[in-house]
Protein backbone atom coordinates (compact mmCIF):
# COMPACT_ATOMS: atom_id res chain seq x y z
CA MET A 1 -0.01 -0.02 0.03
CA SER A 2 2.22 2.83 -1.27
CA GLY A 3 1.62 6.30 0.19
CA LEU A 4 -0.11 4.78 3.23
CA LYS A 5 -0.61 6.95 6.29
CA LEU A 6 -0.97 5.32 9.68
CA PHE A 7 -2.78 6.91 12.58
CA ARG A 8 -3.35 5.59 16.11
CA THR A 9 -7.03 5.19 16.71
CA ASP A 10 -6.62 7.59 19.71
CA MET A 11 -4.72 10.08 17.40
CA THR A 12 -1.82 10.60 19.90
CA ASN A 13 0.91 9.37 17.67
CA CYS A 14 1.85 7.66 14.41
CA ARG A 15 4.22 4.65 13.89
CA VAL A 16 4.69 1.67 11.61
CA ILE A 17 4.47 -1.87 12.99
CA GLU A 18 4.85 -5.26 11.50
CA VAL A 19 1.34 -6.79 11.85
CA GLN A 20 -1.11 -8.31 9.43
CA PRO A 21 -3.53 -5.59 8.19
CA ARG A 22 -7.22 -6.23 8.50
CA LEU A 23 -10.70 -4.83 7.85
CA ALA A 24 -12.89 -3.38 10.39
CA VAL A 25 -15.25 -5.62 12.31
CA VAL A 26 -18.11 -3.40 11.29
CA GLU A 27 -18.46 -0.48 8.95
CA ALA A 28 -19.59 1.79 11.74
CA ASP A 29 -16.12 1.60 13.38
CA VAL A 30 -14.47 3.29 10.39
CA GLN A 31 -17.22 5.88 10.13
CA ARG A 32 -17.00 6.59 13.92
CA PHE A 33 -13.29 7.12 13.77
CA VAL A 34 -13.21 9.26 10.59
CA GLU A 35 -16.03 11.49 11.85
CA THR A 36 -14.30 12.00 15.14
CA HIS A 37 -11.10 13.07 13.44
CA MET A 38 -12.42 14.26 10.03
CA GLU A 39 -10.60 17.65 10.01
CA ALA A 40 -7.24 16.04 10.91
CA LEU A 41 -7.57 13.19 8.36
CA LEU A 42 -9.38 14.69 5.46
CA GLY A 43 -9.27 18.42 5.91
CA VAL A 44 -13.05 18.47 6.26
CA ARG A 45 -15.06 20.01 9.11
CA PHE A 46 -17.75 17.55 10.23
CA LEU A 47 -21.34 18.60 9.94
CA ALA A 48 -23.63 15.70 10.31
CA SER A 49 -23.90 11.84 10.53
CA GLU A 50 -26.48 9.55 8.94
CA TYR A 51 -28.18 12.62 7.43
CA VAL A 52 -31.68 11.64 6.21
CA ILE A 53 -32.56 13.00 2.81
CA ASP A 54 -36.11 13.85 1.86
CA CYS A 55 -36.81 12.33 -1.49
CA VAL A 56 -38.87 9.57 -3.06
CA ASP A 57 -36.20 6.87 -2.82
CA GLY A 58 -35.06 8.04 0.57
CA GLY A 59 -31.65 7.34 2.04
CA ARG A 60 -29.07 8.46 4.57
CA ILE A 61 -25.82 10.20 3.78
CA ASP A 62 -23.11 8.57 5.94
CA SER A 63 -21.24 11.89 6.71
CA LEU A 64 -21.65 15.51 5.65
CA GLY A 65 -18.88 18.07 5.93
CA ILE A 66 -17.33 21.16 4.39
CA ASP A 67 -13.75 21.29 3.29
CA GLU A 68 -11.00 23.92 3.76
CA ASN A 69 -12.09 25.82 0.71
CA GLY A 70 -15.74 25.81 1.60
CA ALA A 71 -16.81 23.04 -0.77
CA PRO A 72 -19.60 20.64 0.42
CA VAL A 73 -18.32 17.03 1.05
CA ILE A 74 -20.17 13.71 1.19
CA VAL A 75 -18.31 10.87 2.74
CA GLU A 76 -19.50 7.32 2.18
CA TYR A 77 -18.07 4.19 3.84
CA LYS A 78 -17.96 0.46 3.11
CA ARG A 79 -16.37 -2.13 5.27
CA GLY A 80 -14.96 -4.19 2.32
CA THR A 81 -15.48 -3.96 -1.43
CA ASP A 82 -18.75 -2.59 -2.72
CA ALA A 83 -19.14 -1.62 -6.38
CA GLY A 84 -22.17 0.44 -5.45
CA VAL A 85 -20.56 2.89 -3.08
CA ILE A 86 -19.59 5.28 -5.88
CA ASN A 87 -23.10 5.36 -7.45
CA GLN A 88 -24.68 5.66 -4.04
CA GLY A 89 -22.42 8.68 -3.27
CA LEU A 90 -23.25 10.30 -6.61
CA TYR A 91 -26.97 9.76 -6.04
CA TYR A 92 -26.49 11.65 -2.72
CA MET A 93 -24.48 14.36 -4.46
CA ALA A 94 -27.19 14.87 -7.00
CA TRP A 95 -29.73 15.34 -4.24
CA LEU A 96 -27.43 17.78 -2.33
CA THR A 97 -26.72 19.97 -5.30
CA SER A 98 -30.47 20.29 -5.95
CA HIS A 99 -31.14 21.17 -2.33
CA ARG A 100 -28.58 23.69 -1.65
CA ARG A 101 -30.62 25.69 0.76
CA VAL A 102 -30.81 22.67 3.08
CA PHE A 103 -27.08 22.36 3.21
CA ASP A 104 -26.71 26.23 3.64
CA ASN A 105 -28.98 26.03 6.56
CA LEU A 106 -27.00 23.18 8.09
CA VAL A 107 -23.69 25.12 7.71
CA ARG A 108 -25.32 28.17 9.25
CA ASP A 109 -26.61 26.24 12.19
CA ARG A 110 -23.32 24.45 12.87
CA LEU A 111 -20.59 26.82 11.75
CA GLY A 112 -22.35 30.27 11.51
CA ALA A 113 -23.51 32.67 8.94
CA GLN A 114 -20.05 33.72 7.57
CA ALA A 115 -19.28 29.99 6.69
CA ALA A 116 -22.69 29.59 5.08
CA ALA A 117 -22.06 32.73 2.98
CA HIS A 118 -18.90 31.36 1.45
CA ILE A 119 -19.97 27.82 0.42
CA LEU A 120 -18.10 26.76 -2.75
CA TRP A 121 -20.96 25.11 -4.78
CA SER A 122 -18.75 25.02 -7.95
CA ALA A 123 -16.75 22.05 -6.57
CA PRO A 124 -18.71 19.67 -4.33
CA ARG A 125 -16.78 16.55 -3.40
CA LEU A 126 -17.39 12.91 -2.81
CA ILE A 127 -14.99 10.83 -0.63
CA CYS A 128 -15.50 7.07 -0.67
CA ILE A 129 -13.72 5.16 2.04
CA ALA A 130 -13.66 1.36 1.74
CA GLY A 131 -11.69 -1.77 2.50
CA GLU A 132 -10.67 -2.19 -1.24
CA PHE A 133 -11.56 -0.84 -4.70
CA SER A 134 -11.20 -2.56 -8.06
CA ARG A 135 -9.32 -1.23 -11.03
CA TYR A 136 -12.81 -0.74 -12.58
CA ASP A 137 -13.66 1.67 -9.83
CA ALA A 138 -10.57 3.73 -10.44
CA HIS A 139 -11.44 3.90 -14.18
CA ALA A 140 -15.16 4.58 -13.61
CA ILE A 141 -14.63 7.74 -11.64
CA ARG A 142 -12.72 9.28 -14.52
CA GLU A 143 -15.97 9.17 -16.52
CA TYR A 144 -17.82 11.42 -14.14
CA ARG A 145 -17.53 15.23 -14.16
CA ARG A 146 -17.40 15.21 -10.34
CA SER A 147 -14.62 15.61 -7.77
CA ILE A 148 -14.22 12.04 -6.29
CA ASP A 149 -11.66 10.53 -4.02
CA LEU A 150 -11.36 6.86 -3.39
CA VAL A 151 -9.68 6.08 -0.06
CA ARG A 152 -8.64 2.58 1.13
CA TYR A 153 -8.47 1.93 4.81
CA ARG A 154 -6.81 -0.94 6.90
CA TYR A 155 -6.48 -1.56 10.60
CA PHE A 156 -3.13 -2.54 11.94
CA GLY A 157 -3.33 -4.32 15.31
CA ASN A 158 -5.71 -2.75 17.72
CA ASP A 159 -4.65 0.89 17.76
CA LEU A 160 -3.55 1.84 14.28
CA ILE A 161 -5.55 2.62 11.07
CA GLY A 162 -4.12 3.26 7.64
CA LEU A 163 -5.66 5.54 4.99
CA GLU A 164 -4.40 5.53 1.29
CA THR A 165 -5.78 7.54 -1.66
CA VAL A 166 -6.27 5.03 -4.44
CA ALA A 167 -7.63 7.33 -7.07
CA SER A 168 -8.64 10.99 -7.27
CA VAL A 169 -10.43 13.00 -9.92
CA THR A 170 -11.18 16.60 -10.14
CA GLY A 171 -14.34 16.62 -12.23
CA GLN A 172 -12.38 18.66 -14.76
CA ARG A 173 -10.40 17.39 -17.79
CA ASN A 174 -6.71 17.15 -16.87
CA LEU A 175 -4.61 19.69 -18.69
CA GLY A 176 -1.07 19.46 -19.91
CA ARG A 177 1.39 22.22 -19.22
CA ARG A 178 0.93 23.92 -22.60
CA ALA A 179 -2.80 23.59 -22.42
CA ARG A 180 -2.91 25.30 -18.99
CA ARG A 181 -1.12 28.29 -20.46
CA GLY A 182 -4.08 28.98 -22.65
CA THR A 183 -6.88 28.42 -20.19
CA GLY A 184 -8.57 30.80 -17.81
CA VAL A 185 -6.85 29.62 -14.71
CA LEU A 186 -5.50 32.11 -12.23
CA PRO A 187 -7.82 34.92 -13.38
CA ALA A 188 -6.21 37.46 -10.96
CA ALA A 189 -2.75 36.81 -12.49
CA ARG A 190 -4.06 36.94 -16.05
CA LYS A 191 -5.58 40.34 -15.48
CA GLN A 192 -2.11 41.57 -14.59
CA THR A 193 1.06 41.91 -16.60
CA GLY A 194 4.64 41.88 -15.69
CA ALA A 195 7.16 39.69 -13.92
CA MET A 196 5.09 38.74 -10.88
CA ALA A 197 2.08 37.71 -12.91
CA GLU A 198 4.38 35.47 -14.99
CA LEU A 199 5.96 34.07 -11.81
CA ALA A 200 2.43 33.27 -10.37
CA LEU A 201 1.62 31.24 -13.52
CA ALA A 202 4.92 29.48 -13.36
CA ALA A 203 4.26 28.56 -9.67
CA ASP A 204 0.80 27.27 -10.79
CA GLU A 205 2.35 24.96 -13.36
CA VAL A 206 4.85 23.67 -10.80
CA LEU A 207 2.22 22.99 -8.14
CA CYS A 208 -0.14 21.27 -10.72
CA GLY A 209 2.74 19.19 -12.09
CA LEU A 210 3.94 17.78 -8.73
CA GLY A 211 1.98 14.47 -9.28
CA ASP A 212 -1.26 12.74 -9.97
CA GLY A 213 -4.54 13.72 -8.41
CA VAL A 214 -3.90 17.40 -7.97
CA THR A 215 -7.05 19.42 -7.84
CA ARG A 216 -7.04 23.19 -8.43
CA VAL A 217 -9.84 24.94 -6.50
CA GLN A 218 -10.39 28.59 -7.46
CA ARG A 219 -11.65 30.94 -4.78
CA LYS A 220 -12.02 34.77 -5.05
CA THR A 221 -8.96 35.53 -2.86
CA TYR A 222 -6.68 32.40 -3.57
CA THR A 223 -6.19 29.35 -5.55
CA ALA A 224 -5.93 26.08 -3.59
CA TYR A 225 -3.95 23.10 -4.74
CA GLN A 226 -5.42 19.92 -3.25
CA ARG A 227 -4.98 16.17 -2.99
CA LEU A 228 -7.20 14.79 -0.35
CA ARG A 229 -6.40 17.92 1.57
CA ASN A 230 -5.02 21.38 0.63
CA PHE A 231 -1.26 21.26 0.26
CA ALA A 232 -0.70 24.79 -1.08
CA CYS A 233 -2.57 28.07 -1.62
CA LEU A 234 -1.59 30.82 -4.03
CA PRO A 235 -3.11 34.27 -3.54
CA PRO A 236 -3.01 36.85 -6.38
CA PRO A 237 0.50 38.19 -7.08
CA GLN A 238 1.64 41.25 -5.27
CA GLN A 239 3.64 44.05 -6.90
CA ALA A 240 7.03 42.73 -5.84
CA LYS A 241 6.45 39.07 -4.84
CA VAL A 242 4.28 36.05 -5.13
CA LEU A 243 3.21 34.26 -1.88
CA VAL A 244 2.52 30.58 -1.55
CA TYR A 245 1.20 29.11 1.75
CA LEU A 246 2.06 25.52 2.44
CA LYS A 247 0.69 22.84 4.77
CA ALA A 248 4.01 22.24 6.57
CA ASP A 249 5.04 22.69 10.20
CA PRO A 250 7.30 25.83 10.20
CA LYS A 251 9.17 24.25 13.25
CA THR A 252 10.48 21.54 10.88
CA VAL A 253 11.82 24.12 8.28
CA ASP A 254 15.07 26.06 8.48
CA LEU A 255 13.34 29.47 8.07
CA SER A 256 15.17 32.02 5.85
CA PRO A 257 14.20 35.74 6.25
CA GLY A 258 12.81 37.14 2.99
CA PHE A 259 11.99 33.59 1.74
CA THR A 260 10.16 31.52 4.37
CA ARG A 261 8.05 32.71 7.34
CA ASP A 262 6.01 31.14 10.11
CA VAL A 263 2.46 32.54 9.82
CA THR A 264 0.88 30.29 12.41
CA GLY A 265 -2.09 32.18 13.91
CA LEU A 266 -1.73 35.10 11.43
CA GLY A 267 -4.51 35.92 9.04
CA HIS A 268 -3.91 35.36 5.41
CA HIS A 269 -5.74 34.13 2.32
CA GLY A 270 -5.91 30.42 2.00
CA THR A 271 -4.59 27.74 4.35
CA GLY A 272 -1.21 26.74 5.59
CA ASP A 273 1.27 27.82 8.34
CA LEU A 274 4.42 28.15 6.19
CA GLU A 275 4.70 31.21 3.88
CA VAL A 276 7.03 30.96 0.93
CA GLN A 277 7.92 34.36 -0.73
CA LEU A 278 8.82 34.15 -4.48
CA ARG A 279 10.53 37.12 -6.30
CA SER A 280 12.20 35.28 -9.15
CA GLU A 281 12.40 31.98 -10.90
CA ARG A 282 15.32 31.11 -8.79
CA ASP A 283 13.17 31.38 -5.68
CA LEU A 284 10.67 29.05 -7.33
CA ASP A 285 13.47 26.44 -7.92
CA ARG A 286 14.55 26.97 -4.38
CA ALA A 287 11.05 26.27 -3.12
CA LEU A 288 10.57 23.06 -5.01
CA ASP A 289 11.55 20.75 -2.21
CA LEU A 290 9.11 22.50 0.15
CA PHE A 291 6.35 22.14 -2.40
CA ARG A 292 7.11 18.40 -2.82
CA ALA A 293 7.17 17.82 0.90
CA SER A 294 3.76 19.58 1.36
CA TYR A 295 2.31 17.65 -1.56
CA THR A 296 3.62 14.25 -0.21
CA ALA A 297 2.16 15.02 3.30
CA ALA A 298 -1.23 15.78 1.84
């Protein structure tokens, strides 16, 4: 299971042990654990469990949440392999997008009016967590114009659980580097001219090209780069520099004045506690290892 992340079920530490991986005894065990630690594991704020939907066919959404960028998130769980989990999740997503006011009210009740006013309905997400997925599942989600993540879980011993992203699609057609140059991405940068606008576009290309499964999420005040969670945020370029915020612990980085800064607890556009300041292509090259580390951690 490459890329596997292990978590203690009490979330106090992480370590690797030599034990035989196993499935949960019941599906509810996985759901309970993920819901309890949803923000730490998925970058999603938990809203509701077993949410009953009001429609002819009925149904219960396993978990509802909202991610770091304000996008609605549906999480569905299966103990083992179940070919229907994706279609079930898409059914719930269709209901959710046609009942936006219901979700708006839920967010307002749980998180307040400000969060409800900034819901990102252009990018709703489905996360399916199961014991296994087939190669057909990974292929099938590419045929849907939806943001879908397939996440495999395993228990290790009695106190460790592993999560691995098997496949991730953005709901948008993947673009090569040349194609991205001609699209409407980074609208704030494209309205500007000059070195910093070009540097912002170069940073966008680097972040999108770090590996598979990168989703670009456009908000008014920043562009987020996401795997299962945000790993970088890029606000509009400033007059003399481009800022990138990374999901990295500044305490683990050898900070360099004028290049990297700890912004823990400081207000800024986007998410992440490590600020990287770019003033030239040389700075972009210098930041590449930090970008990769943040991408890998996500």
